[in-house]
Amino acid sequence: MHEEFGTILNRGFNSWVRNLNICIPFILNFLINLILYFFFFGLMGLLLFTSNTGSIIDPATLSQTEIYTMVAKGLSENIALSVFLVLIFSLFGMFVQSFFTAGAIGMAKKASETGDTVLSDMLISGSKNIFRLFPTTLLISLLLLVGIIFMVPGAFAVGDLSTLVENPDVSGQGVGALVMGAFLWSVYIIVMNLVLSLTSYALVIDELGPLEALSASFGFFRNNKLDVFFIWVISIGLAIINSLAGEFIGSENILVAAVTSLVPFAVLQPLTAVLWTRLYLSRKGNKLYSPSDLLSYPDRF
């Protein structure tokens, strides 16, 4: 069922309004990862601010120089454990995110096809796709990291970074090359995000493997460049508007700041998930519901 872009936006918005429960996976993902971050920084604090006698030192009683010295010493003495903790918490956080992302896409798919979705759709889709989406997420992260190659020429041209910090005028050309490398890496990340933006949706909706999903996303982008670009711009634009609103309106108002901080998880992410899902299903020819076919609003939870 092919829909025009305007129809996708209109019906996608209506589908999101009808199924506000699609925000639940994103909120749960945020809360669980927030708890993980607390645990991580707590463990790192114990690691860095524990004295040789085993007692915990209060950073508030130390000067900035003493804090920097203690952090540097703690990292140098526990580098292997620190790297292990960073790796474990990062992978587990990514694993949790993969479950809820797959669950949200499953809910968006059900809502787009039938008009309604329930939380059981999240559990079914999340458990069914997590072990394929998790390695796919890792693969995409590695592909984005490959762009660091643009920084290599500038890094070699600059040489010793400590010398650059002490005397920035010494390696003027090297700094220029480093800045250009950073710019090219940023462009590379933007292009890759745009081209691979439908990877998770292809994987969950069509039940593909990691490499198949990457290929499907690239093929979908190649055939629907403008539609993908417009929804990508809408997603980025809404996030920027919310960020600016939080900065200018809520900078001195705790309530407004709290609301704007929750908007990405409660509104923006579920709305864009529904739009991406409807776009993918529409261009794939899947049967989609029309709001006019639904005469009543069922219970959403």
Protein backbone atom coordinates (compact mmCIF):
# COMPACT_ATOMS: atom_id res chain seq x y z
CA MET A 1 0.00 0.00 0.00
CA HIS A 2 1.97 2.99 -1.30
CA GLU A 3 1.27 6.29 0.45
CA GLU A 4 2.41 9.77 -0.46
CA PHE A 5 4.85 11.44 1.90
CA GLY A 6 2.26 13.87 3.23
CA THR A 7 -0.12 10.99 3.91
CA ILE A 8 2.63 9.15 5.80
CA LEU A 9 3.18 12.17 8.03
CA ASN A 10 -0.54 12.71 8.63
CA ARG A 11 -1.47 9.09 9.29
CA GLY A 12 1.75 8.44 11.17
CA PHE A 13 0.96 11.33 13.51
CA ASN A 14 -2.59 10.04 14.01
CA SER A 15 -1.23 6.56 14.71
CA TRP A 16 1.12 7.95 17.35
CA VAL A 17 -1.67 9.98 19.00
CA ARG A 18 -3.87 6.87 19.07
CA ASN A 19 -1.06 4.77 20.60
CA LEU A 20 0.77 6.96 23.09
CA ASN A 21 1.92 3.80 24.87
CA ILE A 22 4.68 3.49 22.25
CA CYS A 23 6.64 5.88 24.47
CA ILE A 24 6.93 3.23 27.20
CA PRO A 25 9.89 1.31 25.66
CA PHE A 26 11.87 4.54 25.30
CA ILE A 27 11.10 5.69 28.85
CA LEU A 28 12.02 2.28 30.29
CA ASN A 29 15.25 2.27 28.30
CA PHE A 30 16.10 5.73 29.65
CA LEU A 31 15.37 4.77 33.26
CA ILE A 32 17.32 1.50 33.16
CA ASN A 33 20.32 3.13 31.51
CA LEU A 34 20.15 5.94 34.07
CA ILE A 35 20.38 3.35 36.85
CA LEU A 36 23.33 1.72 35.04
CA TYR A 37 25.12 5.07 34.84
CA PHE A 38 24.65 5.62 38.58
CA PHE A 39 26.15 2.21 39.29
CA PHE A 40 29.00 2.84 36.86
CA PHE A 41 29.98 6.24 38.28
CA GLY A 42 29.60 4.87 41.80
CA LEU A 43 32.02 2.05 41.07
CA MET A 44 34.42 4.41 39.32
CA GLY A 45 34.24 6.74 42.31
CA LEU A 46 35.12 3.91 44.66
CA LEU A 47 37.94 2.94 42.35
CA LEU A 48 39.44 6.42 42.08
CA PHE A 49 38.76 7.90 45.51
CA THR A 50 39.69 5.01 47.78
CA SER A 51 42.92 5.50 49.70
CA ASN A 52 45.60 2.89 50.27
CA THR A 53 44.10 2.17 53.69
CA GLY A 54 40.77 1.24 52.11
CA SER A 55 38.91 4.32 53.35
CA ILE A 56 36.87 6.43 50.92
CA ILE A 57 38.09 10.00 50.48
CA ASP A 58 35.49 12.77 50.13
CA PRO A 59 36.38 14.76 46.95
CA ALA A 60 34.82 17.87 48.53
CA THR A 61 37.72 17.97 51.02
CA LEU A 62 40.33 18.03 48.25
CA SER A 63 41.64 20.84 46.08
CA GLN A 64 41.32 20.65 42.29
CA THR A 65 45.00 19.75 41.98
CA GLU A 66 44.62 16.93 44.52
CA ILE A 67 41.51 15.64 42.74
CA TYR A 68 43.28 15.59 39.34
CA THR A 69 46.29 13.87 40.91
CA MET A 70 44.15 11.23 42.62
CA VAL A 71 42.09 10.58 39.46
CA ALA A 72 45.23 10.25 37.34
CA LYS A 73 46.84 7.94 39.90
CA GLY A 74 43.67 5.87 40.28
CA LEU A 75 43.33 5.43 36.51
CA SER A 76 47.01 4.52 36.06
CA GLU A 77 46.86 1.94 38.86
CA ASN A 78 43.52 0.46 37.74
CA ILE A 79 43.63 0.94 33.97
CA ALA A 80 42.68 -2.65 33.14
CA LEU A 81 39.75 -2.69 35.58
CA SER A 82 38.58 0.75 34.42
CA VAL A 83 38.56 -0.35 30.77
CA PHE A 84 36.74 -3.54 31.75
CA LEU A 85 34.05 -1.60 33.63
CA VAL A 86 33.57 0.85 30.74
CA LEU A 87 33.28 -2.03 28.26
CA ILE A 88 30.87 -4.09 30.37
CA PHE A 89 28.53 -1.20 31.20
CA SER A 90 28.59 0.08 27.61
CA LEU A 91 27.75 -3.33 26.15
CA PHE A 92 25.03 -4.02 28.69
CA GLY A 93 23.50 -0.59 28.10
CA MET A 94 23.56 -1.24 24.36
CA PHE A 95 21.97 -4.66 24.95
CA VAL A 96 19.14 -3.10 26.97
CA GLN A 97 18.65 -0.43 24.32
CA SER A 98 18.47 -3.10 21.59
CA PHE A 99 15.63 -4.85 23.43
CA PHE A 100 13.54 -1.73 23.87
CA THR A 101 14.29 -0.43 20.37
CA ALA A 102 13.13 -3.71 18.86
CA GLY A 103 10.09 -3.61 21.14
CA ALA A 104 9.19 -0.06 20.11
CA ILE A 105 9.52 -0.88 16.40
CA GLY A 106 7.32 -3.94 16.91
CA MET A 107 4.67 -1.76 18.57
CA ALA A 108 4.94 0.85 15.80
CA LYS A 109 4.56 -1.88 13.17
CA LYS A 110 1.46 -3.29 14.85
CA ALA A 111 -0.02 0.19 15.23
CA SER A 112 0.66 1.05 11.58
CA GLU A 113 -0.88 -2.16 10.28
CA THR A 114 -3.89 -2.55 12.58
CA GLY A 115 -4.29 0.85 14.24
CA ASP A 116 -3.61 -0.38 17.79
CA THR A 117 -0.80 -1.85 19.83
CA VAL A 118 -0.33 -3.10 23.39
CA LEU A 119 2.66 -3.65 25.67
CA SER A 120 2.75 -7.37 24.92
CA ASP A 121 3.80 -6.42 21.38
CA MET A 122 6.89 -4.78 22.88
CA LEU A 123 7.81 -7.90 24.83
CA ILE A 124 7.29 -10.20 21.85
CA SER A 125 9.21 -8.06 19.38
CA GLY A 126 11.99 -7.24 21.85
CA SER A 127 12.68 -10.83 22.85
CA LYS A 128 12.40 -12.01 19.25
CA ASN A 129 14.85 -9.52 17.74
CA ILE A 130 17.28 -8.53 20.49
CA PHE A 131 19.95 -11.12 19.63
CA ARG A 132 20.01 -9.89 16.02
CA LEU A 133 19.66 -6.18 16.73
CA PHE A 134 22.40 -6.11 19.39
CA PRO A 135 25.23 -7.27 17.04
CA THR A 136 23.81 -4.99 14.36
CA THR A 137 24.10 -2.02 16.72
CA LEU A 138 27.70 -3.02 17.50
CA LEU A 139 28.46 -3.31 13.79
CA ILE A 140 27.04 0.16 13.07
CA SER A 141 29.10 1.60 15.93
CA LEU A 142 32.25 0.06 14.44
CA LEU A 143 31.37 1.44 11.01
CA LEU A 144 31.02 4.92 12.49
CA LEU A 145 34.31 4.49 14.34
CA VAL A 146 36.07 3.66 11.07
CA GLY A 147 35.78 7.35 10.21
CA ILE A 148 38.55 8.06 12.72
CA ILE A 149 40.90 7.35 9.82
CA PHE A 150 40.23 10.94 8.70
CA MET A 151 41.98 12.11 11.88
CA VAL A 152 45.17 10.14 11.28
CA PRO A 153 46.97 12.56 8.91
CA GLY A 154 46.30 15.49 11.24
CA ALA A 155 47.43 13.48 14.28
CA PHE A 156 50.73 12.64 12.58
CA ALA A 157 51.17 16.26 11.47
CA VAL A 158 50.58 17.58 14.98
CA GLY A 159 52.87 15.07 16.63
CA ASP A 160 53.15 15.43 20.40
CA LEU A 161 49.84 16.78 21.73
CA SER A 162 51.48 18.07 24.92
CA THR A 163 53.73 20.32 22.81
CA LEU A 164 50.67 21.59 20.93
CA VAL A 165 48.92 22.49 24.19
CA GLU A 166 51.97 24.37 25.48
CA ASN A 167 52.64 26.18 22.18
CA PRO A 168 49.70 26.09 19.74
CA ASP A 169 51.55 28.17 17.10
CA VAL A 170 54.25 25.54 16.56
CA SER A 171 52.09 23.11 14.55
CA GLY A 172 49.73 25.43 12.69
CA GLN A 173 49.46 23.22 9.60
CA GLY A 174 49.03 20.13 11.73
CA VAL A 175 46.16 21.73 13.62
CA GLY A 176 44.51 22.66 10.33
CA ALA A 177 44.79 19.06 9.14
CA LEU A 178 43.40 17.83 12.46
CA VAL A 179 40.41 20.19 12.24
CA MET A 180 39.76 19.15 8.65
CA GLY A 181 39.93 15.50 9.71
CA ALA A 182 37.40 16.13 12.45
CA PHE A 183 35.12 17.87 9.95
CA LEU A 184 35.35 14.97 7.46
CA TRP A 185 34.68 12.48 10.23
CA SER A 186 31.58 14.44 11.23
CA VAL A 187 30.35 14.45 7.63
CA TYR A 188 31.04 10.70 7.40
CA ILE A 189 29.00 10.07 10.57
CA ILE A 190 26.08 12.14 9.24
CA VAL A 191 26.09 10.33 5.89
CA MET A 192 26.31 6.90 7.53
CA ASN A 193 23.50 7.73 9.95
CA LEU A 194 21.34 8.83 7.05
CA VAL A 195 22.09 5.81 4.85
CA LEU A 196 21.71 3.30 7.70
CA SER A 197 18.76 5.00 9.41
CA LEU A 198 16.35 2.18 8.44
CA THR A 199 18.62 -0.70 9.52
CA SER A 200 16.80 -1.44 12.79
CA TYR A 201 13.40 -1.18 11.09
CA ALA A 202 14.39 -3.51 8.26
CA LEU A 203 15.76 -6.01 10.77
CA VAL A 204 12.66 -6.06 12.96
CA ILE A 205 9.96 -5.68 10.31
CA ASP A 206 11.41 -8.10 7.75
CA GLU A 207 13.15 -10.32 10.35
CA LEU A 208 16.57 -9.97 8.70
CA GLY A 209 20.06 -10.75 9.91
CA PRO A 210 22.57 -7.98 10.71
CA LEU A 211 24.27 -7.85 7.30
CA GLU A 212 20.97 -8.27 5.47
CA ALA A 213 19.48 -5.39 7.47
CA LEU A 214 22.43 -3.12 6.61
CA SER A 215 22.06 -3.99 2.94
CA ALA A 216 18.29 -3.49 3.06
CA SER A 217 18.70 -0.07 4.68
CA PHE A 218 21.18 1.02 2.03
CA GLY A 219 18.90 -0.22 -0.76
CA PHE A 220 15.88 1.48 0.78
CA PHE A 221 17.77 4.77 1.04
CA ARG A 222 18.93 4.51 -2.55
CA ASN A 223 15.36 4.09 -3.76
CA ASN A 224 13.74 6.62 -1.40
CA LYS A 225 16.41 9.28 -0.84
CA LEU A 226 14.13 12.28 -0.46
CA ASP A 227 11.60 10.58 1.84
CA VAL A 228 14.35 9.25 4.11
CA PHE A 229 16.13 12.61 4.11
CA PHE A 230 12.96 14.55 4.98
CA ILE A 231 12.05 12.32 7.94
CA TRP A 232 15.67 12.42 9.10
CA VAL A 233 15.58 16.22 8.94
CA ILE A 234 12.25 16.28 10.79
CA SER A 235 13.73 14.07 13.53
CA ILE A 236 16.86 16.20 13.90
CA GLY A 237 14.87 19.44 13.66
CA LEU A 238 12.43 18.45 16.41
CA ALA A 239 15.34 17.45 18.67
CA ILE A 240 17.09 20.79 18.05
CA ILE A 241 13.90 22.77 18.71
CA ASN A 242 13.34 20.90 21.98
CA SER A 243 16.96 21.48 22.99
CA LEU A 244 16.73 25.21 22.25
CA ALA A 245 13.43 25.44 24.10
CA GLY A 246 14.97 23.76 27.12
CA GLU A 247 17.95 26.10 27.00
CA PHE A 248 16.14 29.40 26.59
CA ILE A 249 12.82 28.72 28.32
CA GLY A 250 13.73 26.22 30.99
CA SER A 251 17.21 27.39 31.97
CA GLU A 252 15.80 29.06 35.11
CA ASN A 253 12.68 26.96 35.54
CA ILE A 254 13.19 23.48 36.98
CA LEU A 255 9.73 22.26 35.93
CA VAL A 256 10.18 23.37 32.31
CA ALA A 257 13.69 21.91 32.24
CA ALA A 258 12.34 18.57 33.51
CA VAL A 259 9.59 18.54 30.88
CA THR A 260 11.94 19.35 28.00
CA SER A 261 14.34 16.65 29.18
CA LEU A 262 11.53 14.07 29.03
CA VAL A 263 10.17 15.18 25.65
CA PRO A 264 12.73 13.18 23.60
CA PHE A 265 11.75 9.90 25.28
CA ALA A 266 8.03 10.54 25.71
CA VAL A 267 7.27 12.31 22.43
CA LEU A 268 10.03 12.68 19.83
CA GLN A 269 11.44 9.15 19.75
CA PRO A 270 8.07 7.34 19.65
CA LEU A 271 6.71 9.77 17.04
CA THR A 272 9.72 9.38 14.74
CA ALA A 273 9.67 5.60 15.27
CA VAL A 274 6.09 5.52 13.99
CA LEU A 275 7.00 7.73 11.00
CA TRP A 276 10.02 5.60 10.06
CA THR A 277 7.97 2.43 10.43
CA ARG A 278 5.09 3.70 8.31
CA LEU A 279 7.48 4.94 5.63
CA TYR A 280 9.21 1.56 5.46
CA LEU A 281 5.97 -0.43 5.44
CA SER A 282 4.41 1.87 2.83
CA ARG A 283 7.34 1.66 0.43
CA LYS A 284 7.45 -2.10 0.89
CA GLY A 285 3.81 -2.36 -0.14
CA ASN A 286 2.49 -3.65 3.20
CA LYS A 287 -1.15 -3.18 4.03
CA LEU A 288 -1.63 -0.19 6.35
CA TYR A 289 -4.64 1.08 8.22
CA SER A 290 -6.35 4.38 7.51
CA PRO A 291 -7.64 6.43 10.47
CA SER A 292 -11.01 6.65 8.74
CA ASP A 293 -11.32 2.86 9.04
CA LEU A 294 -11.26 3.07 12.84
CA LEU A 295 -14.45 4.22 14.46
CA SER A 296 -13.48 4.13 18.11
CA TYR A 297 -10.45 4.51 20.34
CA PRO A 298 -9.68 1.36 22.32
CA ASP A 299 -7.84 1.11 25.59
CA ARG A 300 -4.17 1.74 24.91
CA PHE A 301 -2.61 -0.19 27.77
